[in-house]
Each structure stands twice: as C-alpha cells, then as structure tokens.
Protein backbone atom coordinates (compact mmCIF):
# COMPACT_ATOMS: atom_id res chain seq x y z
CA MET A 1 30.98 43.77 8.07
CA SER A 2 30.95 42.01 4.71
CA VAL A 3 28.50 39.41 3.46
CA GLU A 4 30.05 36.62 1.39
CA ASN A 5 28.39 34.50 -1.19
CA THR A 6 28.32 31.04 0.01
CA GLU A 7 26.95 28.40 -2.27
CA THR A 8 25.37 25.16 -0.55
CA GLU A 9 25.65 21.94 -2.21
CA VAL A 10 22.49 20.19 -2.81
CA SER A 11 22.73 16.54 -3.10
CA GLU A 12 20.39 14.93 -5.68
CA VAL A 13 18.32 12.05 -4.64
CA PRO A 14 19.31 9.05 -6.62
CA THR A 15 16.45 7.46 -8.75
CA PRO A 16 15.87 3.67 -8.28
CA THR A 17 16.93 1.51 -11.28
CA GLU A 18 14.85 -1.24 -10.46
CA GLN A 19 11.03 -1.46 -9.97
CA PRO A 20 9.82 -3.57 -7.12
CA PRO A 21 8.31 -6.93 -8.03
CA GLU A 22 4.72 -6.72 -8.52
CA PRO A 23 2.59 -9.37 -6.59
CA GLU A 24 1.37 -12.15 -8.80
CA PRO A 25 -2.49 -12.90 -9.03
CA ALA A 26 -3.52 -15.30 -6.68
CA PHE A 27 -6.73 -17.33 -6.25
CA GLY A 28 -8.21 -17.80 -2.90
CA TRP A 29 -7.49 -16.62 0.57
CA THR A 30 -4.98 -13.79 0.03
CA GLU A 31 -4.36 -10.98 2.11
CA TYR A 32 -5.65 -8.47 -0.81
CA ALA A 33 -8.86 -10.45 -0.98
CA GLU A 34 -9.43 -10.41 2.74
CA ARG A 35 -8.90 -6.51 2.85
CA ILE A 36 -11.26 -5.98 0.03
CA ASN A 37 -14.11 -8.20 1.71
CA GLY A 38 -13.60 -6.47 5.07
CA ARG A 39 -13.99 -3.02 3.41
CA LEU A 40 -17.11 -4.16 1.53
CA ALA A 41 -18.33 -5.61 4.58
CA MET A 42 -17.83 -2.55 6.51
CA LEU A 43 -19.91 -0.58 3.68
CA ALA A 44 -22.67 -2.87 3.81
CA PHE A 45 -22.85 -2.59 7.65
CA PHE A 46 -22.91 1.25 7.65
CA GLY A 47 -25.40 1.07 4.65
CA LEU A 48 -27.64 -0.96 6.73
CA LEU A 49 -27.49 1.40 9.53
CA PHE A 50 -28.05 4.35 7.45
CA LEU A 51 -31.09 2.73 5.87
CA GLU A 52 -32.44 1.80 9.10
CA PHE A 53 -31.93 5.47 10.51
CA VAL A 54 -33.68 7.05 7.44
CA THR A 55 -36.87 4.62 7.15
CA HIS A 56 -37.17 3.75 10.68
CA GLN A 57 -37.40 0.01 9.91
CA ASP A 58 -35.01 -2.90 10.30
CA LEU A 59 -33.65 -5.05 7.99
CA PHE A 60 -36.08 -7.97 8.64
CA SER A 61 -38.88 -5.56 8.03
CA TRP A 62 -37.41 -4.89 4.48
CA LEU A 63 -37.02 -8.48 3.92
CA GLY A 64 -40.83 -9.25 4.72
CA LEU A 65 -39.64 -11.54 7.60
CA ARG A 66 -41.82 -9.16 10.24
C-alpha cells in the first residue's frame, strides 16, 4: 500500500476593490437616531428599576413628589 502526496488547491478569497457607501449624516427622525434613543431609554428604565431596588424608594419619592 502506497501513500501518494496529493496537493489540494486552496482558492483565495478575493478582496473587495470598492468600499460600500457610508451613510450621509442626516438630521431628524432617522433610523440611527431612533436606535440610539431606544437604547438610551432602555438603559434609563433599567437604571430606575435598579435605583428603586437598591433604595426601596420610587422615582416620585426621589423627586420629592410624595
């Protein structure tokens, strides 16, 4: 029984020659702005929940409304 050396060809992955167009900065109700606002709102919501859990006081007590 003989073992032959066989070379396997490895195909190279072509590199892109063009860069995808970058989005132009926009003002107003854009998808990016809505995504950032949503993420900040989620952080604020969970921050308030954590604050209430740690201090055993709600937001209205913190604001002096109770």
